[in-house]
Protein backbone atom coordinates (compact mmCIF):
# COMPACT_ATOMS: atom_id res chain seq x y z
CA UNK A 1 0.00 0.00 0.00
CA UNK A 2 1.44 3.36 -0.99
CA UNK A 3 1.45 6.47 1.20
CA UNK A 4 -1.07 8.03 -1.20
CA UNK A 5 -3.40 5.09 -0.74
CA UNK A 6 -3.09 5.34 3.04
CA UNK A 7 -3.98 9.01 2.84
CA UNK A 8 -7.04 8.29 0.72
CA UNK A 9 -8.15 5.58 3.14
CA UNK A 10 -7.76 7.99 6.06
CA UNK A 11 -9.75 10.64 4.19
CA UNK A 12 -12.50 8.13 3.41
CA UNK A 13 -12.61 6.95 7.03
CA UNK A 14 -12.91 10.54 8.23
CA UNK A 15 -15.82 11.05 5.86
CA UNK A 16 -17.47 7.87 7.19
CA UNK A 17 -17.08 9.25 10.72
CA UNK A 18 -18.68 12.53 9.63
CA UNK A 19 -21.57 10.71 7.97
CA UNK A 20 -22.15 8.61 11.07
CA UNK A 21 -22.20 11.75 13.21
CA UNK A 22 -24.72 13.33 10.83
CA UNK A 23 -26.92 10.24 11.12
CA UNK A 24 -26.78 10.50 14.91
CA UNK A 25 -27.77 14.17 14.81
CA UNK A 26 -30.63 13.49 12.41
CA UNK A 27 -31.86 10.52 14.45
CA UNK A 28 -31.88 12.73 17.54
CA UNK A 29 -33.86 15.42 15.72
CA UNK A 30 -36.44 12.82 14.69
CA UNK A 31 -36.61 11.42 18.21
CA UNK A 32 -37.28 14.86 19.71
CA UNK A 33 -40.56 15.04 17.81
CA UNK A 34 -40.49 18.79 17.18
CA UNK A 35 -40.11 18.57 13.39
CA UNK A 36 -43.00 18.95 10.99
CA UNK A 37 -44.14 15.55 9.73
CA UNK A 38 -43.05 16.32 6.16
CA UNK A 39 -39.57 17.27 7.37
CA UNK A 40 -39.39 14.15 9.48
CA UNK A 41 -40.31 12.06 6.43
CA UNK A 42 -37.77 13.88 4.26
CA UNK A 43 -35.04 13.12 6.76
CA UNK A 44 -36.03 9.48 7.01
CA UNK A 45 -36.65 8.87 3.30
CA UNK A 46 -33.95 11.00 1.73
CA UNK A 47 -31.27 12.37 4.00
CA UNK A 48 -30.59 9.28 6.10
CA UNK A 49 -30.66 7.12 2.98
CA UNK A 50 -28.08 9.38 1.32
CA UNK A 51 -25.74 9.21 4.31
CA UNK A 52 -26.08 5.42 4.62
CA UNK A 53 -25.42 4.95 0.90
CA UNK A 54 -22.34 7.17 1.14
CA UNK A 55 -21.05 5.14 4.09
CA UNK A 56 -21.57 1.92 2.14
CA UNK A 57 -19.73 3.35 -0.88
CA UNK A 58 -16.82 4.56 1.24
CA UNK A 59 -16.51 1.23 3.03
CA UNK A 60 -16.33 -0.54 -0.32
CA UNK A 61 -13.76 1.99 -1.49
CA UNK A 62 -11.61 1.34 1.59
CA UNK A 63 -11.90 -2.44 1.16
CA UNK A 64 -10.86 -2.16 -2.49
CA UNK A 65 -7.99 0.18 -1.66
CA UNK A 66 -6.69 -2.22 0.97
CA UNK A 67 -7.06 -5.21 -1.32
CA UNK A 68 -5.66 -3.65 -4.49
CA UNK A 69 -3.26 -1.23 -2.88
C-alpha atoms as a PDB file:
ATOM      1  CA  UNK A   1       0.000   0.000   0.000  1.00  0.00           C
ATOM      2  CA  UNK A   2       1.438   3.362  -0.991  1.00  0.00           C
ATOM      3  CA  UNK A   3       1.452   6.465   1.203  1.00  0.00           C
ATOM      4  CA  UNK A   4      -1.067   8.033  -1.198  1.00  0.00           C
ATOM      5  CA  UNK A   5      -3.405   5.093  -0.743  1.00  0.00           C
ATOM      6  CA  UNK A   6      -3.089   5.336   3.042  1.00  0.00           C
ATOM      7  CA  UNK A   7      -3.982   9.015   2.844  1.00  0.00           C
ATOM      8  CA  UNK A   8      -7.043   8.291   0.718  1.00  0.00           C
ATOM      9  CA  UNK A   9      -8.151   5.579   3.145  1.00  0.00           C
ATOM     10  CA  UNK A  10      -7.758   7.993   6.056  1.00  0.00           C
ATOM     11  CA  UNK A  11      -9.750  10.637   4.192  1.00  0.00           C
ATOM     12  CA  UNK A  12     -12.503   8.128   3.409  1.00  0.00           C
ATOM     13  CA  UNK A  13     -12.606   6.945   7.031  1.00  0.00           C
ATOM     14  CA  UNK A  14     -12.907  10.541   8.228  1.00  0.00           C
ATOM     15  CA  UNK A  15     -15.822  11.054   5.863  1.00  0.00           C
ATOM     16  CA  UNK A  16     -17.472   7.874   7.191  1.00  0.00           C
ATOM     17  CA  UNK A  17     -17.081   9.245  10.720  1.00  0.00           C
ATOM     18  CA  UNK A  18     -18.682  12.530   9.632  1.00  0.00           C
ATOM     19  CA  UNK A  19     -21.575  10.711   7.970  1.00  0.00           C
ATOM     20  CA  UNK A  20     -22.151   8.612  11.066  1.00  0.00           C
ATOM     21  CA  UNK A  21     -22.204  11.754  13.209  1.00  0.00           C
ATOM     22  CA  UNK A  22     -24.720  13.331  10.834  1.00  0.00           C
ATOM     23  CA  UNK A  23     -26.923  10.241  11.123  1.00  0.00           C
ATOM     24  CA  UNK A  24     -26.784  10.499  14.911  1.00  0.00           C
ATOM     25  CA  UNK A  25     -27.771  14.173  14.814  1.00  0.00           C
ATOM     26  CA  UNK A  26     -30.634  13.493  12.407  1.00  0.00           C
ATOM     27  CA  UNK A  27     -31.857  10.519  14.448  1.00  0.00           C
ATOM     28  CA  UNK A  28     -31.884  12.731  17.542  1.00  0.00           C
ATOM     29  CA  UNK A  29     -33.862  15.421  15.722  1.00  0.00           C
ATOM     30  CA  UNK A  30     -36.435  12.816  14.687  1.00  0.00           C
ATOM     31  CA  UNK A  31     -36.615  11.418  18.214  1.00  0.00           C
ATOM     32  CA  UNK A  32     -37.281  14.856  19.712  1.00  0.00           C
ATOM     33  CA  UNK A  33     -40.556  15.040  17.811  1.00  0.00           C
ATOM     34  CA  UNK A  34     -40.491  18.790  17.178  1.00  0.00           C
ATOM     35  CA  UNK A  35     -40.115  18.569  13.394  1.00  0.00           C
ATOM     36  CA  UNK A  36     -43.002  18.950  10.992  1.00  0.00           C
ATOM     37  CA  UNK A  37     -44.141  15.551   9.730  1.00  0.00           C
ATOM     38  CA  UNK A  38     -43.052  16.323   6.156  1.00  0.00           C
ATOM     39  CA  UNK A  39     -39.573  17.274   7.368  1.00  0.00           C
ATOM     40  CA  UNK A  40     -39.393  14.151   9.477  1.00  0.00           C
ATOM     41  CA  UNK A  41     -40.306  12.058   6.429  1.00  0.00           C
ATOM     42  CA  UNK A  42     -37.771  13.877   4.259  1.00  0.00           C
ATOM     43  CA  UNK A  43     -35.037  13.124   6.757  1.00  0.00           C
ATOM     44  CA  UNK A  44     -36.032   9.478   7.006  1.00  0.00           C
ATOM     45  CA  UNK A  45     -36.646   8.865   3.304  1.00  0.00           C
ATOM     46  CA  UNK A  46     -33.953  11.003   1.729  1.00  0.00           C
ATOM     47  CA  UNK A  47     -31.272  12.366   3.999  1.00  0.00           C
ATOM     48  CA  UNK A  48     -30.588   9.282   6.099  1.00  0.00           C
ATOM     49  CA  UNK A  49     -30.663   7.117   2.980  1.00  0.00           C
ATOM     50  CA  UNK A  50     -28.079   9.377   1.316  1.00  0.00           C
ATOM     51  CA  UNK A  51     -25.742   9.210   4.313  1.00  0.00           C
ATOM     52  CA  UNK A  52     -26.081   5.424   4.620  1.00  0.00           C
ATOM     53  CA  UNK A  53     -25.422   4.950   0.897  1.00  0.00           C
ATOM     54  CA  UNK A  54     -22.342   7.169   1.140  1.00  0.00           C
ATOM     55  CA  UNK A  55     -21.046   5.143   4.090  1.00  0.00           C
ATOM     56  CA  UNK A  56     -21.569   1.922   2.137  1.00  0.00           C
ATOM     57  CA  UNK A  57     -19.734   3.354  -0.884  1.00  0.00           C
ATOM     58  CA  UNK A  58     -16.818   4.559   1.242  1.00  0.00           C
ATOM     59  CA  UNK A  59     -16.506   1.227   3.033  1.00  0.00           C
ATOM     60  CA  UNK A  60     -16.331  -0.540  -0.323  1.00  0.00           C
ATOM     61  CA  UNK A  61     -13.757   1.994  -1.487  1.00  0.00           C
ATOM     62  CA  UNK A  62     -11.614   1.338   1.593  1.00  0.00           C
ATOM     63  CA  UNK A  63     -11.900  -2.439   1.156  1.00  0.00           C
ATOM     64  CA  UNK A  64     -10.856  -2.164  -2.491  1.00  0.00           C
ATOM     65  CA  UNK A  65      -7.987   0.176  -1.655  1.00  0.00           C
ATOM     66  CA  UNK A  66      -6.688  -2.222   0.972  1.00  0.00           C
ATOM     67  CA  UNK A  67      -7.060  -5.214  -1.325  1.00  0.00           C
ATOM     68  CA  UNK A  68      -5.661  -3.654  -4.493  1.00  0.00           C
ATOM     69  CA  UNK A  69      -3.263  -1.226  -2.881  1.00  0.00           C
END
